[in-house]
Amino acid sequence: MVTAPVLWNNDKAYLFDGGNYYRYDVTKDKVDPGYPQRITANWPGPFPSRVDAGVVWNNGKAYFFRGSEYVRYDIAADKVDDGYPRPIAANWPGLP
């Protein structure tokens, strides 16, 4: 079951399903060939076993959430920023 669709800034949407993900071509309205793939195979840093939610900000960062933690992902560097994961409650005011 897909739990975390994330619209990227390249006309692709990434849909996470357990330890796998799909890359969906928004323009062509279909999943790209060769998917699903393992998160650990292509995403250095986000939670390897499951992503609960994610969002791309217009600051070049994506944020991935799982349970009570999140990571900040640098899109240009293609990696999680140092010092993550961090607790959601302490860093996202108003979120549990």
Protein backbone atom coordinates (compact mmCIF):
# COMPACT_ATOMS: atom_id res chain seq x y z
CA MET A 1 0.00 0.00 0.00
CA VAL A 2 1.40 3.38 -0.99
CA THR A 3 1.80 5.52 2.13
CA ALA A 4 3.80 8.55 1.09
CA PRO A 5 3.44 10.19 -2.31
CA VAL A 6 5.92 13.03 -2.85
CA LEU A 7 5.76 15.39 -5.84
CA TRP A 8 9.32 16.23 -6.88
CA ASN A 9 10.35 19.35 -8.80
CA ASN A 10 11.12 17.41 -12.02
CA ASP A 11 7.62 16.32 -13.08
CA LYS A 12 8.10 13.06 -11.18
CA ALA A 13 6.21 11.81 -8.18
CA TYR A 14 7.75 9.30 -5.81
CA LEU A 15 5.39 6.91 -4.09
CA PHE A 16 6.70 4.92 -1.15
CA ASP A 17 5.41 1.47 -0.30
CA GLY A 18 7.18 -0.18 2.64
CA GLY A 19 10.84 -0.55 1.69
CA ASN A 20 10.10 0.10 -2.00
CA TYR A 21 9.26 3.13 -4.08
CA TYR A 22 7.78 3.90 -7.48
CA ARG A 23 8.76 6.79 -9.72
CA TYR A 24 5.69 8.13 -11.48
CA ASP A 25 6.01 10.32 -14.58
CA VAL A 26 3.40 13.04 -14.09
CA THR A 27 3.58 14.23 -17.71
CA LYS A 28 3.17 10.74 -19.20
CA ASP A 29 0.71 9.70 -16.46
CA LYS A 30 2.36 6.34 -15.77
CA VAL A 31 4.95 4.59 -13.62
CA ASP A 32 8.44 4.70 -15.13
CA PRO A 33 9.84 1.38 -16.39
CA GLY A 34 11.85 -0.65 -13.89
CA TYR A 35 9.83 0.19 -10.79
CA PRO A 36 9.29 -0.55 -7.96
CA GLN A 37 12.82 -0.34 -6.59
CA ARG A 38 14.23 -0.63 -3.08
CA ILE A 39 14.59 2.66 -1.18
CA THR A 40 18.09 1.66 -0.10
CA ALA A 41 19.20 1.14 -3.71
CA ASN A 42 18.81 4.78 -4.78
CA TRP A 43 17.97 7.05 -1.84
CA PRO A 44 21.02 7.69 0.33
CA GLY A 45 19.68 8.45 3.76
CA PRO A 46 15.90 8.44 4.01
CA PHE A 47 14.39 5.76 6.14
CA PRO A 48 15.14 2.47 4.36
CA SER A 49 12.28 0.38 5.67
CA ARG A 50 9.39 2.84 5.39
CA VAL A 51 8.56 6.46 4.68
CA ASP A 52 5.28 7.68 6.19
CA ALA A 53 5.15 11.09 4.52
CA GLY A 54 7.26 13.50 2.54
CA VAL A 55 7.22 16.98 1.09
CA VAL A 56 9.48 19.01 -1.21
CA TRP A 57 10.00 22.62 -0.13
CA ASN A 58 11.04 25.35 -2.57
CA ASN A 59 14.39 25.70 -0.76
CA GLY A 60 16.01 22.71 -2.48
CA LYS A 61 15.15 20.41 0.41
CA ALA A 62 12.79 17.48 0.80
CA TYR A 63 11.56 16.32 4.18
CA PHE A 64 10.79 12.67 4.87
CA PHE A 65 8.87 11.57 7.96
CA ARG A 66 8.61 8.22 9.73
CA GLY A 67 7.07 7.68 13.13
CA SER A 68 8.25 10.48 15.42
CA GLU A 69 11.33 11.43 13.33
CA TYR A 70 12.17 13.23 10.10
CA VAL A 71 15.15 13.77 7.83
CA ARG A 72 16.02 16.77 5.68
CA TYR A 73 17.20 15.69 2.23
CA ASP A 74 19.37 17.97 0.09
CA ILE A 75 18.09 17.49 -3.46
CA ALA A 76 21.15 18.92 -5.25
CA ALA A 77 23.63 16.93 -3.12
CA ASP A 78 21.39 13.83 -3.29
CA LYS A 79 21.81 13.02 0.40
CA VAL A 80 20.39 13.57 3.86
CA ASP A 81 21.85 16.60 5.62
CA ASP A 82 24.16 15.93 8.57
CA GLY A 83 22.55 15.66 11.98
CA TYR A 84 19.41 13.76 10.95
CA PRO A 85 17.09 12.13 11.82
CA ARG A 86 15.60 14.55 14.32
CA PRO A 87 12.40 14.44 16.40
CA ILE A 88 9.35 15.94 14.66
CA ALA A 89 7.77 17.39 17.82
CA ALA A 90 10.86 19.42 18.74
CA ASN A 91 11.36 20.90 15.26
CA TRP A 92 7.94 21.23 13.63
CA PRO A 93 5.81 23.39 15.97
CA GLY A 94 2.26 22.13 16.25
CA LEU A 95 2.95 18.63 14.92
CA PRO A 96 2.85 15.74 17.37
